[in-house]
Amino acid sequence: MESPHSFTTSHVEEPNGISNSPLNTLKGMPVNSNSRLGKGFNALINEKRLRPSSDLKELPLNAIETDPQQPRQVFDDSLLSELADSMATHGILEPIVVCPIGNDRYQIIAGERRFRAARRLEWSHIPVVVRDAHAQTNTILALVENLQRSDLHVLEEADAYAQLQRDHGFSQGEIAKHVGKSRPAIANALRLLRLGDLSRSALAAGEIEMGHARALLALQETEEQNECLNAIRSGNWSVRRTENEIKQRLDRKKADQEPLKVVRKVESICSPELERYFGVEVILKGRQIRLKAKSPADAKIILEKMSQWANQAEGSKA
């Protein structure tokens, strides 16, 4: 099926020799010229507008591949249907952006939703802008395009930010600059990657809210997160109750650990002193003091010093 309305795969020549293809109306048009884009992004790609004519063309859909590292992993079926209906009625108002990958094949940099909608409509061709781009620029273009177009799930955002850190050495500040967000927003998104698998799945599926997820991050152990997650689900906990329950859990855990901290502090102070006094290794365990004698001579010395110690204690009482 040919792409209707705004783009066609066959062109009728006008008397003046100029094609009436709507491609002509898009030459030099900015792609994704959204005012919310950060200045850092424009600086990175070093272009605010596409070069006209030579970059703008139509390509067969079967010559185009999706990017396996595309930040968006889930495409809402109903939104794709709406986009396809709009494209069927009004045509495609903005070309997708691709880069050549050899053998007359191209990979999508920006516009995968439009590409998928075109496939639904069984179009044979789609308008594209071809640009040569470094892999790092491709990743940023794909990320920014998705952030500006359709709601990207916060976990998909976080995965994409982590990819920029891991594969391209970006700092949180650099990511924030390139995608036009604050550094705390990037940091908060990345923190979600510390959630356990079950908690991440629940957040992705909409079973828990962002507030629940942030509260769960306070629990370091995955097992604890899972226990609390089950309680949230079964008890239909609000975010406020979840925060309170987790705070109480952490307070109890801290209280339980205090005596152990005291014991360890006593051990760290007393063990060296006792070892110097007896001349052997000393192990403090709970209410027990263990003296390790390596020979009969060591045992004799230990007994003598313990006797002296006992006598001194009796003398101090008198």
C-alpha atoms as a PDB file:
ATOM      1  CA  MET A   1       0.000   0.000   0.000  1.00  0.00           C
ATOM      2  CA  GLU A   2       1.336   3.406  -0.898  1.00  0.00           C
ATOM      3  CA  SER A   3       1.741   6.095   1.733  1.00  0.00           C
ATOM      4  CA  PRO A   4      -1.216   8.491   1.211  1.00  0.00           C
ATOM      5  CA  HIS A   5      -1.806  12.199   1.560  1.00  0.00           C
ATOM      6  CA  SER A   6       1.350  13.910   2.753  1.00  0.00           C
ATOM      7  CA  PHE A   7       3.700  11.474   1.012  1.00  0.00           C
ATOM      8  CA  THR A   8       3.324   9.294  -2.047  1.00  0.00           C
ATOM      9  CA  THR A   9       5.609   6.779  -3.680  1.00  0.00           C
ATOM     10  CA  SER A  10       4.728   7.944  -7.191  1.00  0.00           C
ATOM     11  CA  HIS A  11       5.115  11.578  -8.196  1.00  0.00           C
ATOM     12  CA  VAL A  12       3.144  13.520 -10.812  1.00  0.00           C
ATOM     13  CA  GLU A  13       5.192  16.160 -12.561  1.00  0.00           C
ATOM     14  CA  GLU A  14       3.670  19.636 -12.703  1.00  0.00           C
ATOM     15  CA  PRO A  15       3.975  21.721 -15.869  1.00  0.00           C
ATOM     16  CA  ASN A  16       6.923  23.598 -14.500  1.00  0.00           C
ATOM     17  CA  GLY A  17       8.780  20.339 -14.001  1.00  0.00           C
ATOM     18  CA  ILE A  18       8.547  20.399 -10.217  1.00  0.00           C
ATOM     19  CA  SER A  19       7.148  17.340  -8.502  1.00  0.00           C
ATOM     20  CA  ASN A  20       3.995  17.868  -6.479  1.00  0.00           C
ATOM     21  CA  SER A  21       5.223  15.422  -3.831  1.00  0.00           C
ATOM     22  CA  PRO A  22       4.770  16.874  -0.344  1.00  0.00           C
ATOM     23  CA  LEU A  23       8.425  16.034   0.192  1.00  0.00           C
ATOM     24  CA  ASN A  24       9.020  19.474  -1.272  1.00  0.00           C
ATOM     25  CA  THR A  25       7.104  21.094   1.572  1.00  0.00           C
ATOM     26  CA  LEU A  26       9.366  19.469   4.151  1.00  0.00           C
ATOM     27  CA  LYS A  27      12.761  20.372   2.706  1.00  0.00           C
ATOM     28  CA  GLY A  28      14.694  22.220   5.343  1.00  0.00           C
ATOM     29  CA  MET A  29      12.048  21.531   7.973  1.00  0.00           C
ATOM     30  CA  PRO A  30      13.405  21.010  11.509  1.00  0.00           C
ATOM     31  CA  VAL A  31      12.962  17.527  12.874  1.00  0.00           C
ATOM     32  CA  ASN A  32      11.686  17.377  16.437  1.00  0.00           C
ATOM     33  CA  SER A  33      12.284  21.106  16.872  1.00  0.00           C
ATOM     34  CA  ASN A  34      10.796  21.086  20.348  1.00  0.00           C
ATOM     35  CA  SER A  35      11.586  24.125  22.468  1.00  0.00           C
ATOM     36  CA  ARG A  36      12.104  21.868  25.488  1.00  0.00           C
ATOM     37  CA  LEU A  37      15.256  20.317  24.059  1.00  0.00           C
ATOM     38  CA  GLY A  38      18.312  21.163  26.098  1.00  0.00           C
ATOM     39  CA  LYS A  39      20.990  23.381  24.608  1.00  0.00           C
ATOM     40  CA  GLY A  40      23.499  20.637  25.295  1.00  0.00           C
ATOM     41  CA  PHE A  41      21.718  18.301  22.897  1.00  0.00           C
ATOM     42  CA  ASN A  42      21.786  20.816  20.052  1.00  0.00           C
ATOM     43  CA  ALA A  43      25.437  21.506  20.775  1.00  0.00           C
ATOM     44  CA  LEU A  44      26.205  17.804  20.631  1.00  0.00           C
ATOM     45  CA  ILE A  45      24.657  17.186  17.216  1.00  0.00           C
ATOM     46  CA  ASN A  46      25.843  20.620  16.064  1.00  0.00           C
ATOM     47  CA  GLU A  47      22.670  21.138  14.029  1.00  0.00           C
ATOM     48  CA  LYS A  48      19.301  22.650  14.877  1.00  0.00           C
ATOM     49  CA  ARG A  49      17.861  22.051  11.406  1.00  0.00           C
ATOM     50  CA  LEU A  50      18.285  19.390   8.810  1.00  0.00           C
ATOM     51  CA  ARG A  51      20.098  20.166   5.600  1.00  0.00           C
ATOM     52  CA  PRO A  52      17.509  20.461   2.794  1.00  0.00           C
ATOM     53  CA  SER A  53      16.974  18.413  -0.388  1.00  0.00           C
ATOM     54  CA  SER A  54      19.744  15.780  -0.380  1.00  0.00           C
ATOM     55  CA  ASP A  55      18.984  14.498   3.132  1.00  0.00           C
ATOM     56  CA  LEU A  56      15.230  14.165   2.548  1.00  0.00           C
ATOM     57  CA  LYS A  57      14.023  11.143   0.578  1.00  0.00           C
ATOM     58  CA  GLU A  58      11.683   8.169   0.567  1.00  0.00           C
ATOM     59  CA  LEU A  59      12.924   4.682   1.400  1.00  0.00           C
ATOM     60  CA  PRO A  60      11.283   1.253   1.249  1.00  0.00           C
ATOM     61  CA  LEU A  61      10.175   0.130   4.696  1.00  0.00           C
ATOM     62  CA  ASN A  62      11.929  -3.199   4.158  1.00  0.00           C
ATOM     63  CA  ALA A  63      15.265  -1.354   3.836  1.00  0.00           C
ATOM     64  CA  ILE A  64      14.945   0.106   7.327  1.00  0.00           C
ATOM     65  CA  GLU A  65      15.876  -1.573  10.621  1.00  0.00           C
ATOM     66  CA  THR A  66      15.028  -0.618  14.181  1.00  0.00           C
ATOM     67  CA  ASP A  67      17.811   0.166  16.639  1.00  0.00           C
ATOM     68  CA  PRO A  68      18.343  -2.775  19.049  1.00  0.00           C
ATOM     69  CA  GLN A  69      19.567  -0.282  21.663  1.00  0.00           C
ATOM     70  CA  GLN A  70      16.483   1.920  21.320  1.00  0.00           C
ATOM     71  CA  PRO A  71      15.591   3.222  24.794  1.00  0.00           C
ATOM     72  CA  ARG A  72      11.883   2.495  24.313  1.00  0.00           C
ATOM     73  CA  GLN A  73      11.203  -1.206  24.744  1.00  0.00           C
ATOM     74  CA  VAL A  74       7.405  -1.133  25.096  1.00  0.00           C
ATOM     75  CA  PHE A  75       5.111   0.460  22.507  1.00  0.00           C
ATOM     76  CA  ASP A  76       1.527   1.079  23.578  1.00  0.00           C
ATOM     77  CA  ASP A  77      -0.712  -0.695  21.072  1.00  0.00           C
ATOM     78  CA  SER A  78      -3.619   1.749  21.399  1.00  0.00           C
ATOM     79  CA  LEU A  79      -1.331   4.752  20.896  1.00  0.00           C
ATOM     80  CA  LEU A  80       0.184   3.116  17.807  1.00  0.00           C
ATOM     81  CA  SER A  81      -3.327   2.544  16.447  1.00  0.00           C
ATOM     82  CA  GLU A  82      -4.195   6.204  17.028  1.00  0.00           C
ATOM     83  CA  LEU A  83      -1.001   7.297  15.283  1.00  0.00           C
ATOM     84  CA  ALA A  84      -1.693   4.960  12.355  1.00  0.00           C
ATOM     85  CA  ASP A  85      -5.230   6.363  12.019  1.00  0.00           C
ATOM     86  CA  SER A  86      -3.861   9.909  12.033  1.00  0.00           C
ATOM     87  CA  MET A  87      -1.226   9.047   9.424  1.00  0.00           C
ATOM     88  CA  ALA A  88      -3.850   7.337   7.256  1.00  0.00           C
ATOM     89  CA  THR A  89      -5.950  10.514   7.332  1.00  0.00           C
ATOM     90  CA  HIS A  90      -3.365  13.290   7.316  1.00  0.00           C
ATOM     91  CA  GLY A  91      -0.215  11.583   6.123  1.00  0.00           C
ATOM     92  CA  ILE A  92       3.066  11.698   7.995  1.00  0.00           C
ATOM     93  CA  LEU A  93       3.849  15.259   9.020  1.00  0.00           C
ATOM     94  CA  GLU A  94       7.483  14.678   9.900  1.00  0.00           C
ATOM     95  CA  PRO A  95      10.013  12.279   8.357  1.00  0.00           C
ATOM     96  CA  ILE A  96      11.809   9.716  10.442  1.00  0.00           C
ATOM     97  CA  VAL A  97      15.582  10.056  10.884  1.00  0.00           C
ATOM     98  CA  VAL A  98      17.857   7.208   9.788  1.00  0.00           C
ATOM     99  CA  CYS A  99      21.551   6.564   9.260  1.00  0.00           C
ATOM    100  CA  PRO A 100      23.146   4.261   6.666  1.00  0.00           C
ATOM    101  CA  ILE A 101      24.550   0.957   7.952  1.00  0.00           C
ATOM    102  CA  GLY A 102      25.792  -0.477   4.633  1.00  0.00           C
ATOM    103  CA  ASN A 103      24.407  -2.636   1.811  1.00  0.00           C
ATOM    104  CA  ASP A 104      21.622  -0.121   1.151  1.00  0.00           C
ATOM    105  CA  ARG A 105      20.295  -0.679   4.660  1.00  0.00           C
ATOM    106  CA  TYR A 106      19.389   2.013   7.186  1.00  0.00           C
ATOM    107  CA  GLN A 107      18.851   2.116  10.943  1.00  0.00           C
ATOM    108  CA  ILE A 108      16.321   4.320  12.718  1.00  0.00           C
ATOM    109  CA  ILE A 109      17.723   7.107  14.869  1.00  0.00           C
ATOM    110  CA  ALA A 110      14.408   8.813  15.635  1.00  0.00           C
ATOM    111  CA  GLY A 111      10.824   7.999  14.696  1.00  0.00           C
ATOM    112  CA  GLU A 112      10.314   4.304  15.418  1.00  0.00           C
ATOM    113  CA  ARG A 113       6.666   4.888  16.393  1.00  0.00           C
ATOM    114  CA  ARG A 114       5.968   6.451  12.982  1.00  0.00           C
ATOM    115  CA  PHE A 115       7.833   3.570  11.329  1.00  0.00           C
ATOM    116  CA  ARG A 116       5.732   0.986  13.193  1.00  0.00           C
ATOM    117  CA  ALA A 117       2.539   2.850  12.334  1.00  0.00           C
ATOM    118  CA  ALA A 118       3.543   2.901   8.653  1.00  0.00           C
ATOM    119  CA  ARG A 119       4.043  -0.876   8.759  1.00  0.00           C
ATOM    120  CA  ARG A 120       0.551  -1.260  10.222  1.00  0.00           C
ATOM    121  CA  LEU A 121      -0.777   0.716   7.286  1.00  0.00           C
ATOM    122  CA  GLU A 122       1.226  -1.552   4.946  1.00  0.00           C
ATOM    123  CA  TRP A 123       2.942   1.395   3.321  1.00  0.00           C
ATOM    124  CA  SER A 124       5.698   0.424   0.931  1.00  0.00           C
ATOM    125  CA  HIS A 125       7.803   3.565   1.485  1.00  0.00           C
ATOM    126  CA  ILE A 126       8.256   6.189   4.173  1.00  0.00           C
ATOM    127  CA  PRO A 127       9.844   9.669   4.090  1.00  0.00           C
ATOM    128  CA  VAL A 128      13.178   9.827   5.857  1.00  0.00           C
ATOM    129  CA  VAL A 129      16.027  12.162   6.594  1.00  0.00           C
ATOM    130  CA  VAL A 130      19.371  10.408   6.141  1.00  0.00           C
ATOM    131  CA  ARG A 131      22.209  11.573   8.302  1.00  0.00           C
ATOM    132  CA  ASP A 132      25.586  10.152   9.204  1.00  0.00           C
ATOM    133  CA  ALA A 133      25.857   9.998  12.965  1.00  0.00           C
ATOM    134  CA  HIS A 134      28.282   8.579  15.490  1.00  0.00           C
ATOM    135  CA  ALA A 135      26.877   5.755  17.618  1.00  0.00           C
ATOM    136  CA  GLN A 136      26.935   7.971  20.701  1.00  0.00           C
ATOM    137  CA  THR A 137      24.950  10.665  18.915  1.00  0.00           C
ATOM    138  CA  ASN A 138      22.497   8.030  17.660  1.00  0.00           C
ATOM    139  CA  THR A 139      21.803   6.917  21.215  1.00  0.00           C
ATOM    140  CA  ILE A 140      21.220  10.460  22.435  1.00  0.00           C
ATOM    141  CA  LEU A 141      19.038  11.305  19.450  1.00  0.00           C
ATOM    142  CA  ALA A 142      16.901   8.225  20.066  1.00  0.00           C
ATOM    143  CA  LEU A 143      16.607   8.960  23.779  1.00  0.00           C
ATOM    144  CA  VAL A 144      15.688  12.622  23.353  1.00  0.00           C
ATOM    145  CA  GLU A 145      13.250  11.897  20.525  1.00  0.00           C
ATOM    146  CA  ASN A 146      11.377   9.416  22.691  1.00  0.00           C
ATOM    147  CA  LEU A 147      11.387  11.663  25.756  1.00  0.00           C
ATOM    148  CA  GLN A 148       9.830  14.480  23.760  1.00  0.00           C
ATOM    149  CA  ARG A 149       7.224  12.474  21.865  1.00  0.00           C
ATOM    150  CA  SER A 150       5.355   9.848  23.849  1.00  0.00           C
ATOM    151  CA  ASP A 151       5.553   9.099  27.545  1.00  0.00           C
ATOM    152  CA  LEU A 152       8.566   6.902  28.129  1.00  0.00           C
ATOM    153  CA  HIS A 153       8.267   4.777  31.249  1.00  0.00           C
ATOM    154  CA  VAL A 154      10.599   5.964  33.977  1.00  0.00           C
ATOM    155  CA  LEU A 155      12.318   2.555  34.074  1.00  0.00           C
ATOM    156  CA  GLU A 156      13.003   2.791  30.339  1.00  0.00           C
ATOM    157  CA  GLU A 157      14.411   6.265  30.941  1.00  0.00           C
ATOM    158  CA  ALA A 158      16.608   4.913  33.721  1.00  0.00           C
ATOM    159  CA  ASP A 159      17.907   2.074  31.534  1.00  0.00           C
ATOM    160  CA  ALA A 160      18.748   4.553  28.786  1.00  0.00           C
ATOM    161  CA  TYR A 161      20.549   6.883  31.203  1.00  0.00           C
ATOM    162  CA  ALA A 162      22.503   3.920  32.569  1.00  0.00           C
ATOM    163  CA  GLN A 163      23.467   3.009  29.004  1.00  0.00           C
ATOM    164  CA  LEU A 164      24.821   6.508  28.427  1.00  0.00           C
ATOM    165  CA  GLN A 165      26.884   6.188  31.611  1.00  0.00           C
ATOM    166  CA  ARG A 166      28.073   2.655  30.930  1.00  0.00           C
ATOM    167  CA  ASP A 167      28.721   2.757  27.183  1.00  0.00           C
ATOM    168  CA  HIS A 168      29.641   6.397  26.624  1.00  0.00           C
ATOM    169  CA  GLY A 169      31.064   7.563  29.963  1.00  0.00           C
ATOM    170  CA  PHE A 170      28.496  10.297  30.543  1.00  0.00           C
ATOM    171  CA  SER A 171      28.144  11.821  34.003  1.00  0.00           C
ATOM    172  CA  GLN A 172      24.695  12.527  35.442  1.00  0.00           C
ATOM    173  CA  GLY A 173      25.273  16.221  34.826  1.00  0.00           C
ATOM    174  CA  GLU A 174      26.138  15.627  31.161  1.00  0.00           C
ATOM    175  CA  ILE A 175      23.050  13.466  30.666  1.00  0.00           C
ATOM    176  CA  ALA A 176      20.895  16.162  32.258  1.00  0.00           C
ATOM    177  CA  LYS A 177      22.383  18.784  29.945  1.00  0.00           C
ATOM    178  CA  HIS A 178      21.822  16.746  26.791  1.00  0.00           C
ATOM    179  CA  VAL A 179      18.224  15.713  27.515  1.00  0.00           C
ATOM    180  CA  GLY A 180      17.110  18.990  29.067  1.00  0.00           C
ATOM    181  CA  LYS A 181      16.360  17.677  32.562  1.00  0.00           C
ATOM    182  CA  SER A 182      17.734  18.481  35.995  1.00  0.00           C
ATOM    183  CA  ARG A 183      20.553  16.397  37.458  1.00  0.00           C
ATOM    184  CA  PRO A 184      18.388  15.345  40.461  1.00  0.00           C
ATOM    185  CA  ALA A 185      15.764  14.044  38.007  1.00  0.00           C
ATOM    186  CA  ILE A 186      18.417  11.888  36.323  1.00  0.00           C
ATOM    187  CA  ALA A 187      19.735  10.690  39.701  1.00  0.00           C
ATOM    188  CA  ASN A 188      16.239   9.782  40.932  1.00  0.00           C
ATOM    189  CA  ALA A 189      15.529   7.810  37.767  1.00  0.00           C
ATOM    190  CA  LEU A 190      18.827   5.910  38.046  1.00  0.00           C
ATOM    191  CA  ARG A 191      18.104   5.041  41.690  1.00  0.00           C
ATOM    192  CA  LEU A 192      15.132   2.985  40.518  1.00  0.00           C
ATOM    193  CA  LEU A 193      17.561   0.501  38.952  1.00  0.00           C
ATOM    194  CA  ARG A 194      18.464  -0.548  42.516  1.00  0.00           C
ATOM    195  CA  LEU A 195      15.000  -2.060  42.917  1.00  0.00           C
ATOM    196  CA  GLY A 196      14.751  -5.835  42.922  1.00  0.00           C
ATOM    197  CA  ASP A 197      13.378  -7.585  39.847  1.00  0.00           C
ATOM    198  CA  LEU A 198       9.916  -8.126  41.356  1.00  0.00           C
ATOM    199  CA  SER A 199       9.606  -4.498  42.420  1.00  0.00           C
ATOM    200  CA  ARG A 200      10.737  -3.267  39.000  1.00  0.00           C
ATOM    201  CA  SER A 201       8.230  -5.546  37.280  1.00  0.00           C
ATOM    202  CA  ALA A 202       5.453  -4.311  39.574  1.00  0.00           C
ATOM    203  CA  LEU A 203       6.324  -0.679  38.806  1.00  0.00           C
ATOM    204  CA  ALA A 204       6.504  -1.346  35.063  1.00  0.00           C
ATOM    205  CA  ALA A 205       3.114  -3.096  35.157  1.00  0.00           C
ATOM    206  CA  GLY A 206       1.517  -0.251  37.104  1.00  0.00           C
ATOM    207  CA  GLU A 207       0.850  -2.454  40.140  1.00  0.00           C
ATOM    208  CA  ILE A 208       2.611   0.038  42.412  1.00  0.00           C
ATOM    209  CA  GLU A 209       3.096   3.785  42.171  1.00  0.00           C
ATOM    210  CA  MET A 210       6.329   5.731  41.958  1.00  0.00           C
ATOM    211  CA  GLY A 211       5.943   6.670  45.631  1.00  0.00           C
ATOM    212  CA  HIS A 212       5.828   2.986  46.585  1.00  0.00           C
ATOM    213  CA  ALA A 213       8.976   2.346  44.545  1.00  0.00           C
ATOM    214  CA  ARG A 214      10.878   5.210  46.192  1.00  0.00           C
ATOM    215  CA  ALA A 215       9.890   3.914  49.626  1.00  0.00           C
ATOM    216  CA  LEU A 216      11.043   0.378  48.746  1.00  0.00           C
ATOM    217  CA  LEU A 217      14.481   1.744  47.840  1.00  0.00           C
ATOM    218  CA  ALA A 218      15.107   2.308  51.560  1.00  0.00           C
ATOM    219  CA  LEU A 219      15.220  -1.486  51.992  1.00  0.00           C
ATOM    220  CA  GLN A 220      18.679  -2.731  51.067  1.00  0.00           C
ATOM    221  CA  GLU A 221      17.878  -6.436  50.906  1.00  0.00           C
ATOM    222  CA  THR A 222      15.887  -7.758  47.947  1.00  0.00           C
ATOM    223  CA  GLU A 223      14.108 -10.221  50.249  1.00  0.00           C
ATOM    224  CA  GLU A 224      12.898  -7.330  52.415  1.00  0.00           C
ATOM    225  CA  GLN A 225      11.699  -5.461  49.337  1.00  0.00           C
ATOM    226  CA  ASN A 226       9.766  -8.522  48.177  1.00  0.00           C
ATOM    227  CA  GLU A 227       8.117  -8.973  51.590  1.00  0.00           C
ATOM    228  CA  CYS A 228       7.017  -5.349  51.641  1.00  0.00           C
ATOM    229  CA  LEU A 229       5.903  -5.527  48.002  1.00  0.00           C
ATOM    230  CA  ASN A 230       3.638  -8.470  48.818  1.00  0.00           C
ATOM    231  CA  ALA A 231       2.168  -6.502  51.725  1.00  0.00           C
ATOM    232  CA  ILE A 232       1.549  -3.495  49.459  1.00  0.00           C
ATOM    233  CA  ARG A 233      -0.300  -5.700  46.989  1.00  0.00           C
ATOM    234  CA  SER A 234      -2.302  -7.781  49.456  1.00  0.00           C
ATOM    235  CA  GLY A 235      -3.118  -4.896  51.791  1.00  0.00           C
ATOM    236  CA  ASN A 236      -3.632  -2.299  49.071  1.00  0.00           C
ATOM    237  CA  TRP A 237      -1.289   0.011  50.980  1.00  0.00           C
ATOM    238  CA  SER A 238      -1.205   3.690  50.135  1.00  0.00           C
ATOM    239  CA  VAL A 239       2.132   5.381  49.543  1.00  0.00           C
ATOM    240  CA  ARG A 240       1.894   7.050  52.959  1.00  0.00           C
ATOM    241  CA  ARG A 241       1.260   3.762  54.751  1.00  0.00           C
ATOM    242  CA  THR A 242       4.100   2.110  52.832  1.00  0.00           C
ATOM    243  CA  GLU A 243       6.492   4.866  53.930  1.00  0.00           C
ATOM    244  CA  ASN A 244       5.376   4.527  57.564  1.00  0.00           C
ATOM    245  CA  GLU A 245       5.607   0.722  57.583  1.00  0.00           C
ATOM    246  CA  ILE A 246       9.097   0.776  56.082  1.00  0.00           C
ATOM    247  CA  LYS A 247      10.232   3.455  58.547  1.00  0.00           C
ATOM    248  CA  GLN A 248       8.996   1.329  61.462  1.00  0.00           C
ATOM    249  CA  ARG A 249      10.748  -1.716  60.025  1.00  0.00           C
ATOM    250  CA  LEU A 250      14.030   0.173  59.720  1.00  0.00           C
ATOM    251  CA  ASP A 251      13.670   1.608  63.253  1.00  0.00           C
ATOM    252  CA  ARG A 252      13.163  -1.898  64.676  1.00  0.00           C
ATOM    253  CA  LYS A 253      16.136  -3.187  62.740  1.00  0.00           C
ATOM    254  CA  LYS A 254      18.304  -0.351  64.039  1.00  0.00           C
ATOM    255  CA  ALA A 255      17.181  -1.018  67.630  1.00  0.00           C
ATOM    256  CA  ASP A 256      18.011  -4.713  67.269  1.00  0.00           C
ATOM    257  CA  GLN A 257      21.485  -3.876  66.012  1.00  0.00           C
ATOM    258  CA  GLU A 258      22.405  -1.467  68.828  1.00  0.00           C
ATOM    259  CA  PRO A 259      23.315  -4.153  71.445  1.00  0.00           C
ATOM    260  CA  LEU A 260      25.423  -5.943  68.863  1.00  0.00           C
ATOM    261  CA  LYS A 261      27.264  -2.704  68.101  1.00  0.00           C
ATOM    262  CA  VAL A 262      27.995  -2.249  71.828  1.00  0.00           C
ATOM    263  CA  VAL A 263      29.316  -5.803  72.138  1.00  0.00           C
ATOM    264  CA  ARG A 264      31.556  -5.347  69.116  1.00  0.00           C
ATOM    265  CA  LYS A 265      32.882  -2.082  70.505  1.00  0.00           C
ATOM    266  CA  VAL A 266      33.704  -3.770  73.827  1.00  0.00           C
ATOM    267  CA  GLU A 267      35.387  -6.594  71.935  1.00  0.00           C
ATOM    268  CA  SER A 268      37.500  -4.170  69.930  1.00  0.00           C
ATOM    269  CA  ILE A 269      38.661  -2.433  73.120  1.00  0.00           C
ATOM    270  CA  CYS A 270      39.031  -5.380  75.491  1.00  0.00           C
ATOM    271  CA  SER A 271      40.492  -8.070  73.250  1.00  0.00           C
ATOM    272  CA  PRO A 272      43.843  -6.304  72.633  1.00  0.00           C
ATOM    273  CA  GLU A 273      44.188  -5.438  76.348  1.00  0.00           C
ATOM    274  CA  LEU A 274      43.489  -9.009  77.443  1.00  0.00           C
ATOM    275  CA  GLU A 275      45.886 -10.402  74.836  1.00  0.00           C
ATOM    276  CA  ARG A 276      48.646  -8.144  76.120  1.00  0.00           C
ATOM    277  CA  TYR A 277      47.929  -9.194  79.713  1.00  0.00           C
ATOM    278  CA  PHE A 278      47.801 -12.957  79.118  1.00  0.00           C
ATOM    279  CA  GLY A 279      50.203 -13.106  76.187  1.00  0.00           C
ATOM    280  CA  VAL A 280      47.886 -15.363  74.152  1.00  0.00           C
ATOM    281  CA  GLU A 281      45.055 -14.962  71.656  1.00  0.00           C
ATOM    282  CA  VAL A 282      41.782 -13.891  73.284  1.00  0.00           C
ATOM    283  CA  ILE A 283      38.331 -14.413  71.754  1.00  0.00           C
ATOM    284  CA  LEU A 284      35.294 -12.633  73.192  1.00  0.00           C
ATOM    285  CA  LYS A 285      32.035 -14.301  72.211  1.00  0.00           C
ATOM    286  CA  GLY A 286      28.867 -13.181  73.930  1.00  0.00           C
ATOM    287  CA  ARG A 287      29.429 -13.718  77.657  1.00  0.00           C
ATOM    288  CA  GLN A 288      32.415 -15.990  77.117  1.00  0.00           C
ATOM    289  CA  ILE A 289      36.123 -15.171  77.135  1.00  0.00           C
ATOM    290  CA  ARG A 290      38.248 -17.769  75.384  1.00  0.00           C
ATOM    291  CA  LEU A 291      42.024 -17.892  75.910  1.00  0.00           C
ATOM    292  CA  LYS A 292      43.889 -20.017  73.382  1.00  0.00           C
ATOM    293  CA  ALA A 293      46.972 -21.692  74.865  1.00  0.00           C
ATOM    294  CA  LYS A 294      49.362 -23.115  72.281  1.00  0.00           C
ATOM    295  CA  SER A 295      51.414 -25.126  74.765  1.00  0.00           C
ATOM    296  CA  PRO A 296      51.361 -26.393  78.382  1.00  0.00           C
ATOM    297  CA  ALA A 297      53.635 -23.488  79.273  1.00  0.00           C
ATOM    298  CA  ASP A 298      51.065 -21.017  77.903  1.00  0.00           C
ATOM    299  CA  ALA A 299      48.333 -22.729  79.917  1.00  0.00           C
ATOM    300  CA  LYS A 300      50.417 -22.466  83.093  1.00  0.00           C
ATOM    301  CA  ILE A 301      51.013 -18.739  82.520  1.00  0.00           C
ATOM    302  CA  ILE A 302      47.293 -18.181  81.895  1.00  0.00           C
ATOM    303  CA  LEU A 303      46.348 -19.934  85.154  1.00  0.00           C
ATOM    304  CA  GLU A 304      48.930 -17.966  87.133  1.00  0.00           C
ATOM    305  CA  LYS A 305      47.750 -14.626  85.752  1.00  0.00           C
ATOM    306  CA  MET A 306      44.096 -15.518  86.281  1.00  0.00           C
ATOM    307  CA  SER A 307      44.944 -16.372  89.891  1.00  0.00           C
ATOM    308  CA  GLN A 308      46.718 -13.026  90.285  1.00  0.00           C
ATOM    309  CA  TRP A 309      43.749 -11.272  88.686  1.00  0.00           C
ATOM    310  CA  ALA A 310      41.321 -12.969  91.062  1.00  0.00           C
ATOM    311  CA  ASN A 311      43.471 -12.074  94.094  1.00  0.00           C
ATOM    312  CA  GLN A 312      43.620  -8.443  92.981  1.00  0.00           C
ATOM    313  CA  ALA A 313      39.844  -8.388  92.579  1.00  0.00           C
ATOM    314  CA  GLU A 314      39.364  -9.821  96.109  1.00  0.00           C
ATOM    315  CA  GLY A 315      41.831  -7.313  97.515  1.00  0.00           C
ATOM    316  CA  SER A 316      40.011  -4.390  95.944  1.00  0.00           C
ATOM    317  CA  LYS A 317      36.729  -5.538  97.570  1.00  0.00           C
ATOM    318  CA  ALA A 318      38.355  -5.656 101.003  1.00  0.00           C
END
